[in-house]
PDB file of N, CA and C in Angstrom:
ATOM      1  N   MET A   1       1.025  -0.906  -0.306  1.00  0.00           N
ATOM      2  CA  MET A   1      -0.505   0.298  -0.014  1.00  0.00           C
ATOM      3  C   MET A   1       0.569   1.312   0.408  1.00  0.00           C
ATOM      4  N   PRO A   2       0.722   2.272  -0.604  1.00  0.00           N
ATOM      5  CA  PRO A   2       1.241   3.147  -1.047  1.00  0.00           C
ATOM      6  C   PRO A   2       1.207   4.023   0.410  1.00  0.00           C
ATOM      7  N   ARG A   3       2.617   5.425   0.556  1.00  0.00           N
ATOM      8  CA  ARG A   3       2.451   5.936   1.740  1.00  0.00           C
ATOM      9  C   ARG A   3       1.919   7.528   0.874  1.00  0.00           C
ATOM     10  N   TYR A   4       1.335   8.268   1.694  1.00  0.00           N
ATOM     11  CA  TYR A   4       1.172   9.633   0.933  1.00  0.00           C
ATOM     12  C   TYR A   4       1.081  10.595   2.077  1.00  0.00           C
ATOM     13  N   PHE A   5       1.721  11.426   1.589  1.00  0.00           N
ATOM     14  CA  PHE A   5       2.221  12.961   2.944  1.00  0.00           C
ATOM     15  C   PHE A   5       1.210  14.221   2.575  1.00  0.00           C
ATOM     16  N   PHE A   6       0.849  14.386   3.903  1.00  0.00           N
ATOM     17  CA  PHE A   6      -0.550  15.378   4.238  1.00  0.00           C
ATOM     18  C   PHE A   6       0.060  16.378   4.475  1.00  0.00           C
ATOM     19  N   HIS A   7       0.992  17.825   3.641  1.00  0.00           N
ATOM     20  CA  HIS A   7       2.053  18.927   4.225  1.00  0.00           C
ATOM     21  C   HIS A   7       0.890  20.152   3.855  1.00  0.00           C
ATOM     22  N   TYR A   8       0.731  20.846   5.152  1.00  0.00           N
ATOM     23  CA  TYR A   8      -0.467  22.188   5.451  1.00  0.00           C
ATOM     24  C   TYR A   8       0.160  23.108   5.122  1.00  0.00           C
ATOM     25  N   ARG A   9      -0.205  23.717   3.968  1.00  0.00           N
ATOM     26  CA  ARG A   9      -0.085  25.092   3.417  1.00  0.00           C
ATOM     27  C   ARG A   9      -0.837  26.485   3.449  1.00  0.00           C
ATOM     28  N   THR A  10      -0.363  27.567   4.018  1.00  0.00           N
ATOM     29  CA  THR A  10      -1.115  28.336   4.380  1.00  0.00           C
ATOM     30  C   THR A  10       0.035  30.064   3.933  1.00  0.00           C
ATOM     31  N   ASP A  11      -0.628  30.984   3.907  1.00  0.00           N
ATOM     32  CA  ASP A  11       0.137  31.734   3.847  1.00  0.00           C
ATOM     33  C   ASP A  11       1.397  32.323   4.724  1.00  0.00           C
ATOM     34  N   ASP A  12       1.436  31.494   5.876  1.00  0.00           N
ATOM     35  CA  ASP A  12       2.332  32.061   6.508  1.00  0.00           C
ATOM     36  C   ASP A  12       3.819  31.190   6.148  1.00  0.00           C
ATOM     37  N   GLY A  13       3.400  29.722   6.185  1.00  0.00           N
ATOM     38  CA  GLY A  13       4.461  28.669   5.876  1.00  0.00           C
ATOM     39  C   GLY A  13       3.675  27.427   5.594  1.00  0.00           C
ATOM     40  N   LEU A  14       4.814  26.279   5.235  1.00  0.00           N
ATOM     41  CA  LEU A  14       4.170  24.996   4.887  1.00  0.00           C
ATOM     42  C   LEU A  14       4.314  24.041   6.451  1.00  0.00           C
ATOM     43  N   ILE A  15       3.483  23.641   6.890  1.00  0.00           N
ATOM     44  CA  ILE A  15       3.689  22.484   7.853  1.00  0.00           C
ATOM     45  C   ILE A  15       4.071  21.451   6.925  1.00  0.00           C
ATOM     46  N   ARG A  16       5.047  20.493   7.576  1.00  0.00           N
ATOM     47  CA  ARG A  16       5.194  19.026   6.863  1.00  0.00           C
ATOM     48  C   ARG A  16       4.968  18.337   7.365  1.00  0.00           C
ATOM     49  N   ASP A  17       4.085  16.849   6.936  1.00  0.00           N
ATOM     50  CA  ASP A  17       3.476  15.801   7.570  1.00  0.00           C
ATOM     51  C   ASP A  17       5.420  14.886   7.650  1.00  0.00           C
ATOM     52  N   GLU A  18       5.697  14.224   8.609  1.00  0.00           N
ATOM     53  CA  GLU A  18       6.693  14.007   8.567  1.00  0.00           C
ATOM     54  C   GLU A  18       6.286  12.391   8.577  1.00  0.00           C
ATOM     55  N   THR A  19       4.849  12.142   8.979  1.00  0.00           N
ATOM     56  CA  THR A  19       4.808  10.511   9.310  1.00  0.00           C
ATOM     57  C   THR A  19       3.636  10.108   8.208  1.00  0.00           C
ATOM     58  N   GLY A  20       2.827  10.568   7.535  1.00  0.00           N
ATOM     59  CA  GLY A  20       2.331  10.198   6.660  1.00  0.00           C
ATOM     60  C   GLY A  20       1.519   9.316   6.595  1.00  0.00           C
ATOM     61  N   SER A  21       0.863   8.413   5.621  1.00  0.00           N
ATOM     62  CA  SER A  21      -0.489   7.546   6.012  1.00  0.00           C
ATOM     63  C   SER A  21      -0.627   6.715   4.726  1.00  0.00           C
ATOM     64  N   ASP A  22      -0.914   5.345   4.901  1.00  0.00           N
ATOM     65  CA  ASP A  22      -0.699   4.561   4.104  1.00  0.00           C
ATOM     66  C   ASP A  22      -2.186   4.149   3.348  1.00  0.00           C
ATOM     67  N   LEU A  23      -2.441   4.530   2.378  1.00  0.00           N
ATOM     68  CA  LEU A  23      -3.782   4.552   1.514  1.00  0.00           C
ATOM     69  C   LEU A  23      -3.523   3.481   0.784  1.00  0.00           C
ATOM     70  N   ALA A  24      -4.724   2.826   0.269  1.00  0.00           N
ATOM     71  CA  ALA A  24      -4.965   2.253  -0.580  1.00  0.00           C
ATOM     72  C   ALA A  24      -4.525   3.321  -1.941  1.00  0.00           C
ATOM     73  N   ASN A  25      -5.156   4.419  -2.622  1.00  0.00           N
ATOM     74  CA  ASN A  25      -4.852   4.789  -3.659  1.00  0.00           C
ATOM     75  C   ASN A  25      -4.703   7.219  -3.711  1.00  0.00           C
ATOM     76  N   LEU A  26      -4.570   7.178  -4.726  1.00  0.00           N
ATOM     77  CA  LEU A  26      -4.762   8.569  -4.865  1.00  0.00           C
ATOM     78  C   LEU A  26      -6.636   9.238  -4.338  1.00  0.00           C
ATOM     79  N   ASP A  27      -7.107   8.417  -4.853  1.00  0.00           N
ATOM     80  CA  ASP A  27      -8.592   8.948  -4.439  1.00  0.00           C
ATOM     81  C   ASP A  27      -8.352   9.302  -3.297  1.00  0.00           C
ATOM     82  N   ALA A  28      -7.691   7.252  -2.370  1.00  0.00           N
ATOM     83  CA  ALA A  28      -8.105   7.766  -0.659  1.00  0.00           C
ATOM     84  C   ALA A  28      -7.166   8.807  -0.413  1.00  0.00           C
ATOM     85  N   ALA A  29      -6.160   9.210  -0.773  1.00  0.00           N
ATOM     86  CA  ALA A  29      -5.387  10.214  -0.147  1.00  0.00           C
ATOM     87  C   ALA A  29      -6.311  11.339  -0.256  1.00  0.00           C
ATOM     88  N   GLU A  30      -6.788  11.957  -1.758  1.00  0.00           N
ATOM     89  CA  GLU A  30      -7.311  12.841  -1.991  1.00  0.00           C
ATOM     90  C   GLU A  30      -8.828  12.980  -0.584  1.00  0.00           C
ATOM     91  N   GLN A  31      -9.503  11.765  -0.222  1.00  0.00           N
ATOM     92  CA  GLN A  31     -10.246  12.274   0.695  1.00  0.00           C
ATOM     93  C   GLN A  31     -10.186  12.434   2.210  1.00  0.00           C
ATOM     94  N   LYS A  32      -8.628  11.874   1.898  1.00  0.00           N
ATOM     95  CA  LYS A  32      -8.259  12.280   3.427  1.00  0.00           C
ATOM     96  C   LYS A  32      -7.911  13.734   3.289  1.00  0.00           C
ATOM     97  N   ALA A  33      -7.302  14.077   2.535  1.00  0.00           N
ATOM     98  CA  ALA A  33      -7.418  15.661   2.781  1.00  0.00           C
ATOM     99  C   ALA A  33      -8.089  16.315   2.728  1.00  0.00           C
ATOM    100  N   ALA A  34      -9.018  16.062   1.958  1.00  0.00           N
ATOM    101  CA  ALA A  34     -10.840  16.795   1.853  1.00  0.00           C
ATOM    102  C   ALA A  34     -11.121  16.690   3.653  1.00  0.00           C
ATOM    103  N   GLU A  35     -10.527  15.689   4.297  1.00  0.00           N
ATOM    104  CA  GLU A  35     -10.937  15.655   5.793  1.00  0.00           C
ATOM    105  C   GLU A  35     -10.585  16.348   6.793  1.00  0.00           C
ATOM    106  N   LEU A  36      -9.141  16.270   6.306  1.00  0.00           N
ATOM    107  CA  LEU A  36      -8.410  17.361   6.865  1.00  0.00           C
ATOM    108  C   LEU A  36      -8.684  19.074   6.902  1.00  0.00           C
ATOM    109  N   GLY A  37      -8.957  18.701   5.760  1.00  0.00           N
ATOM    110  CA  GLY A  37      -9.714  20.576   5.591  1.00  0.00           C
ATOM    111  C   GLY A  37     -10.369  21.225   6.413  1.00  0.00           C
ATOM    112  N   ARG A  38     -11.786  20.117   6.170  1.00  0.00           N
ATOM    113  CA  ARG A  38     -12.718  20.372   6.974  1.00  0.00           C
ATOM    114  C   ARG A  38     -12.474  20.292   8.662  1.00  0.00           C
ATOM    115  N   ALA A  39     -11.982  19.688   8.930  1.00  0.00           N
ATOM    116  CA  ALA A  39     -11.369  19.929  10.382  1.00  0.00           C
ATOM    117  C   ALA A  39     -10.737  21.139  10.563  1.00  0.00           C
ATOM    118  N   ILE A  40      -9.419  21.512   9.881  1.00  0.00           N
ATOM    119  CA  ILE A  40      -8.748  22.937   9.957  1.00  0.00           C
ATOM    120  C   ILE A  40      -9.896  24.025  10.010  1.00  0.00           C
ATOM    121  N   ILE A  41     -10.250  23.908   8.981  1.00  0.00           N
ATOM    122  CA  ILE A  41     -12.224  25.232   9.185  1.00  0.00           C
ATOM    123  C   ILE A  41     -12.692  24.960  10.220  1.00  0.00           C
ATOM    124  N   ASP A  42     -12.677  23.794  10.451  1.00  0.00           N
ATOM    125  CA  ASP A  42     -13.707  23.904  11.925  1.00  0.00           C
ATOM    126  C   ASP A  42     -13.149  24.100  13.066  1.00  0.00           C
ATOM    127  N   ARG A  43     -11.535  23.951  13.151  1.00  0.00           N
ATOM    128  CA  ARG A  43     -10.966  24.663  13.871  1.00  0.00           C
ATOM    129  C   ARG A  43     -10.729  25.955  14.232  1.00  0.00           C
ATOM    130  N   VAL A  44     -10.103  26.284  12.835  1.00  0.00           N
ATOM    131  CA  VAL A  44     -10.117  28.061  12.709  1.00  0.00           C
ATOM    132  C   VAL A  44     -11.184  28.759  12.633  1.00  0.00           C
ATOM    133  N   ALA A  45     -12.370  27.880  12.394  1.00  0.00           N
ATOM    134  CA  ALA A  45     -13.453  28.730  12.534  1.00  0.00           C
ATOM    135  C   ALA A  45     -14.104  29.261  14.217  1.00  0.00           C
ATOM    136  N   GLY A  46     -13.691  27.626  15.146  1.00  0.00           N
ATOM    137  CA  GLY A  46     -13.816  27.758  16.591  1.00  0.00           C
ATOM    138  C   GLY A  46     -12.819  28.807  17.381  1.00  0.00           C
ATOM    139  N   GLU A  47     -11.800  29.004  16.097  1.00  0.00           N
ATOM    140  CA  GLU A  47     -10.641  29.766  17.318  1.00  0.00           C
ATOM    141  C   GLU A  47     -10.733  30.976  17.266  1.00  0.00           C
ATOM    142  N   GLY A  48     -11.915  31.951  16.180  1.00  0.00           N
ATOM    143  CA  GLY A  48     -12.256  33.079  15.350  1.00  0.00           C
ATOM    144  C   GLY A  48     -10.794  33.804  14.345  1.00  0.00           C
ATOM    145  N   GLY A  49     -10.587  32.833  14.117  1.00  0.00           N
ATOM    146  CA  GLY A  49      -9.536  32.882  12.863  1.00  0.00           C
ATOM    147  C   GLY A  49     -10.214  33.565  11.568  1.00  0.00           C
ATOM    148  N   GLU A  50      -8.666  33.803  11.043  1.00  0.00           N
ATOM    149  CA  GLU A  50      -9.151  34.409   9.280  1.00  0.00           C
ATOM    150  C   GLU A  50      -9.909  32.971   8.388  1.00  0.00           C
ATOM    151  N   MET A  51     -10.970  33.092   8.082  1.00  0.00           N
ATOM    152  CA  MET A  51     -11.555  32.950   7.136  1.00  0.00           C
ATOM    153  C   MET A  51     -11.636  32.409   6.028  1.00  0.00           C
ATOM    154  N   ASN A  52     -11.535  33.644   5.498  1.00  0.00           N
ATOM    155  CA  ASN A  52     -11.140  33.610   3.953  1.00  0.00           C
ATOM    156  C   ASN A  52      -9.423  33.249   3.417  1.00  0.00           C
ATOM    157  N   ALA A  53      -8.823  33.410   4.393  1.00  0.00           N
ATOM    158  CA  ALA A  53      -7.227  33.146   3.725  1.00  0.00           C
ATOM    159  C   ALA A  53      -7.522  31.540   2.817  1.00  0.00           C
ATOM    160  N   PRO A  54      -6.727  32.003   1.777  1.00  0.00           N
ATOM    161  CA  PRO A  54      -6.542  29.956   1.434  1.00  0.00           C
ATOM    162  C   PRO A  54      -5.747  29.497   1.954  1.00  0.00           C
ATOM    163  N   ARG A  55      -5.867  28.185   1.935  1.00  0.00           N
ATOM    164  CA  ARG A  55      -5.134  27.110   2.721  1.00  0.00           C
ATOM    165  C   ARG A  55      -4.972  25.441   1.332  1.00  0.00           C
ATOM    166  N   SER A  56      -4.091  25.311   1.606  1.00  0.00           N
ATOM    167  CA  SER A  56      -4.214  23.690   0.768  1.00  0.00           C
ATOM    168  C   SER A  56      -3.520  22.905   1.633  1.00  0.00           C
ATOM    169  N   ILE A  57      -3.733  21.689   1.066  1.00  0.00           N
ATOM    170  CA  ILE A  57      -3.451  20.341   1.951  1.00  0.00           C
ATOM    171  C   ILE A  57      -2.503  19.630   0.151  1.00  0.00           C
ATOM    172  N   GLU A  58      -0.871  19.321   0.518  1.00  0.00           N
ATOM    173  CA  GLU A  58       0.034  19.261  -0.307  1.00  0.00           C
ATOM    174  C   GLU A  58       0.113  17.843  -0.354  1.00  0.00           C
ATOM    175  N   ILE A  59      -0.325  17.080  -1.305  1.00  0.00           N
ATOM    176  CA  ILE A  59       0.134  15.734  -1.330  1.00  0.00           C
ATOM    177  C   ILE A  59       1.085  15.164  -2.211  1.00  0.00           C
ATOM    178  N   THR A  60       2.256  14.105  -1.289  1.00  0.00           N
ATOM    179  CA  THR A  60       3.189  13.765  -1.970  1.00  0.00           C
ATOM    180  C   THR A  60       3.041  12.644  -1.605  1.00  0.00           C
ATOM    181  N   ASP A  61       4.295  11.822  -2.516  1.00  0.00           N
ATOM    182  CA  ASP A  61       4.829  10.360  -2.361  1.00  0.00           C
ATOM    183  C   ASP A  61       5.601  10.041  -1.239  1.00  0.00           C
ATOM    184  N   ALA A  62       6.132   9.394  -1.049  1.00  0.00           N
ATOM    185  CA  ALA A  62       7.178   8.850  -0.221  1.00  0.00           C
ATOM    186  C   ALA A  62       8.833   9.388  -1.130  1.00  0.00           C
ATOM    187  N   SER A  63       8.673   9.536  -2.243  1.00  0.00           N
ATOM    188  CA  SER A  63      10.034  10.284  -2.441  1.00  0.00           C
ATOM    189  C   SER A  63       9.707  12.099  -2.811  1.00  0.00           C
ATOM    190  N   GLY A  64       8.488  12.970  -2.283  1.00  0.00           N
ATOM    191  CA  GLY A  64       8.395  13.586  -1.930  1.00  0.00           C
ATOM    192  C   GLY A  64       8.334  14.320  -3.795  1.00  0.00           C
ATOM    193  N   HIS A  65       7.574  13.597  -4.219  1.00  0.00           N
ATOM    194  CA  HIS A  65       7.147  13.786  -5.564  1.00  0.00           C
ATOM    195  C   HIS A  65       5.108  14.477  -5.310  1.00  0.00           C
ATOM    196  N   ASP A  66       5.322  15.896  -6.206  1.00  0.00           N
ATOM    197  CA  ASP A  66       3.871  16.156  -5.397  1.00  0.00           C
ATOM    198  C   ASP A  66       3.079  15.443  -6.360  1.00  0.00           C
ATOM    199  N   LEU A  67       1.557  15.486  -5.832  1.00  0.00           N
ATOM    200  CA  LEU A  67       0.682  14.083  -6.570  1.00  0.00           C
ATOM    201  C   LEU A  67      -0.136  14.949  -6.706  1.00  0.00           C
ATOM    202  N   LEU A  68      -0.965  15.819  -5.770  1.00  0.00           N
ATOM    203  CA  LEU A  68      -1.838  16.731  -5.815  1.00  0.00           C
ATOM    204  C   LEU A  68      -2.533  17.524  -4.726  1.00  0.00           C
ATOM    205  N   TYR A  69      -2.892  18.909  -5.223  1.00  0.00           N
ATOM    206  CA  TYR A  69      -3.013  20.347  -4.092  1.00  0.00           C
ATOM    207  C   TYR A  69      -4.362  20.296  -4.243  1.00  0.00           C
ATOM    208  N   VAL A  70      -5.065  20.222  -2.757  1.00  0.00           N
ATOM    209  CA  VAL A  70      -6.415  20.647  -2.326  1.00  0.00           C
ATOM    210  C   VAL A  70      -6.369  21.503  -1.465  1.00  0.00           C
ATOM    211  N   VAL A  71      -7.361  22.887  -2.670  1.00  0.00           N
ATOM    212  CA  VAL A  71      -6.926  23.885  -1.865  1.00  0.00           C
ATOM    213  C   VAL A  71      -8.878  24.534  -1.137  1.00  0.00           C
ATOM    214  N   PHE A  72      -8.588  24.762   0.031  1.00  0.00           N
ATOM    215  CA  PHE A  72     -10.033  25.024   1.021  1.00  0.00           C
ATOM    216  C   PHE A  72      -9.638  26.592   1.281  1.00  0.00           C
ATOM    217  N   TRP A  73     -11.019  27.058   1.510  1.00  0.00           N
ATOM    218  CA  TRP A  73     -11.786  27.649   2.603  1.00  0.00           C
ATOM    219  C   TRP A  73     -12.673  27.866   2.649  1.00  0.00           C
ATOM    220  N   ALA A  74     -13.217  28.523   3.847  1.00  0.00           N
ATOM    221  CA  ALA A  74     -14.446  29.023   4.135  1.00  0.00           C
ATOM    222  C   ALA A  74     -14.692  29.805   3.433  1.00  0.00           C
ATOM    223  N   GLY A  75     -16.313  29.996   2.879  1.00  0.00           N
ATOM    224  CA  GLY A  75     -16.730  30.917   1.931  1.00  0.00           C
ATOM    225  C   GLY A  75     -18.216  30.944   2.638  1.00  0.00           C
ATOM    226  N   PRO A  76     -18.608  31.476   2.070  1.00  0.00           N
ATOM    227  CA  PRO A  76     -20.266  32.196   2.471  1.00  0.00           C
ATOM    228  C   PRO A  76     -21.276  31.017   1.996  1.00  0.00           C
ATOM    229  N   LYS A  77     -22.348  30.857   2.870  1.00  0.00           N
ATOM    230  CA  LYS A  77     -23.511  29.366   2.705  1.00  0.00           C
ATOM    231  C   LYS A  77     -24.320  30.049   2.181  1.00  0.00           C
ATOM    232  N   VAL A  78     -25.037  29.374   1.227  1.00  0.00           N
ATOM    233  CA  VAL A  78     -25.709  29.996   0.340  1.00  0.00           C
ATOM    234  C   VAL A  78     -27.334  29.978   0.581  1.00  0.00           C
ATOM    235  N   GLY A  79     -27.738  31.074   1.050  1.00  0.00           N
ATOM    236  CA  GLY A  79     -29.294  31.029   1.766  1.00  0.00           C
ATOM    237  C   GLY A  79     -29.431  31.760   2.984  1.00  0.00           C
ATOM    238  N   ASP A  80     -28.276  31.153   4.178  1.00  0.00           N
ATOM    239  CA  ASP A  80     -28.085  31.732   5.579  1.00  0.00           C
ATOM    240  C   ASP A  80     -27.256  33.005   5.776  1.00  0.00           C
ATOM    241  N   GLY A  81     -26.345  33.466   5.181  1.00  0.00           N
ATOM    242  CA  GLY A  81     -25.526  33.958   5.443  1.00  0.00           C
ATOM    243  C   GLY A  81     -23.785  33.600   6.020  1.00  0.00           C
ATOM    244  N   GLY A  82     -24.415  32.060   6.437  1.00  0.00           N
ATOM    245  CA  GLY A  82     -23.224  31.932   7.539  1.00  0.00           C
ATOM    246  C   GLY A  82     -21.867  31.079   6.482  1.00  0.00           C
ATOM    247  N   ALA A  83     -20.777  30.500   7.276  1.00  0.00           N
ATOM    248  CA  ALA A  83     -19.775  30.148   6.562  1.00  0.00           C
ATOM    249  C   ALA A  83     -19.810  28.777   6.795  1.00  0.00           C
ATOM    250  N   THR A  84     -19.521  28.125   5.579  1.00  0.00           N
ATOM    251  CA  THR A  84     -19.221  26.655   5.513  1.00  0.00           C
ATOM    252  C   THR A  84     -18.513  26.275   4.746  1.00  0.00           C
ATOM    253  N   PRO A  85     -17.328  25.514   5.089  1.00  0.00           N
ATOM    254  CA  PRO A  85     -15.979  25.090   3.807  1.00  0.00           C
ATOM    255  C   PRO A  85     -16.549  25.124   2.655  1.00  0.00           C
ATOM    256  N   ILE A  86     -15.905  25.272   1.200  1.00  0.00           N
ATOM    257  CA  ILE A  86     -16.199  25.058   0.200  1.00  0.00           C
ATOM    258  C   ILE A  86     -15.799  23.758  -0.259  1.00  0.00           C
ATOM    259  N   GLU A  87     -16.243  23.183  -1.183  1.00  0.00           N
ATOM    260  CA  GLU A  87     -15.777  21.202  -1.599  1.00  0.00           C
ATOM    261  C   GLU A  87     -14.310  22.269  -2.256  1.00  0.00           C
ATOM    262  N   PRO A  88     -13.374  21.302  -1.800  1.00  0.00           N
ATOM    263  CA  PRO A  88     -12.157  21.136  -2.687  1.00  0.00           C
ATOM    264  C   PRO A  88     -12.349  21.031  -4.105  1.00  0.00           C
ATOM    265  N   ALA A  89     -11.088  21.961  -4.622  1.00  0.00           N
ATOM    266  CA  ALA A  89     -10.981  21.503  -6.263  1.00  0.00           C
ATOM    267  C   ALA A  89      -9.975  20.410  -6.278  1.00  0.00           C
ATOM    268  N   ARG A  90      -9.896  19.792  -7.640  1.00  0.00           N
ATOM    269  CA  ARG A  90      -8.815  18.815  -7.623  1.00  0.00           C
ATOM    270  C   ARG A  90      -7.840  19.509  -8.810  1.00  0.00           C
ATOM    271  N   LEU A  91      -6.670  19.619  -8.696  1.00  0.00           N
ATOM    272  CA  LEU A  91      -5.603  20.026  -9.572  1.00  0.00           C
ATOM    273  C   LEU A  91      -5.519  18.647  -9.554  1.00  0.00           C
ATOM    274  N   HIS A  92      -4.742  18.281 -10.589  1.00  0.00           N
ATOM    275  CA  HIS A  92      -4.204  17.060 -11.182  1.00  0.00           C
ATOM    276  C   HIS A  92      -3.199  17.187 -12.400  1.00  0.00           C
TER     277      HIS A  92
END
């Protein structure tokens, strides 16, 4: 099973995942990155942080090759004016 690494990037810098996760394939890694993004947005919102700042999870393989970027930020929820995470875009 391949090992994927999920590095978290903000305007302030990059937090590297030194451990990684063994997952079945890149689709599973993308799902994990989307879950991480949602958890990050929930935490930032709970701490009163900047919700409009772009963030990304950069997925690499064990050799450090870039495989996929999952970009996310909180945006307005249609209808009630609240903020909810926007689904991540795929950049292959």
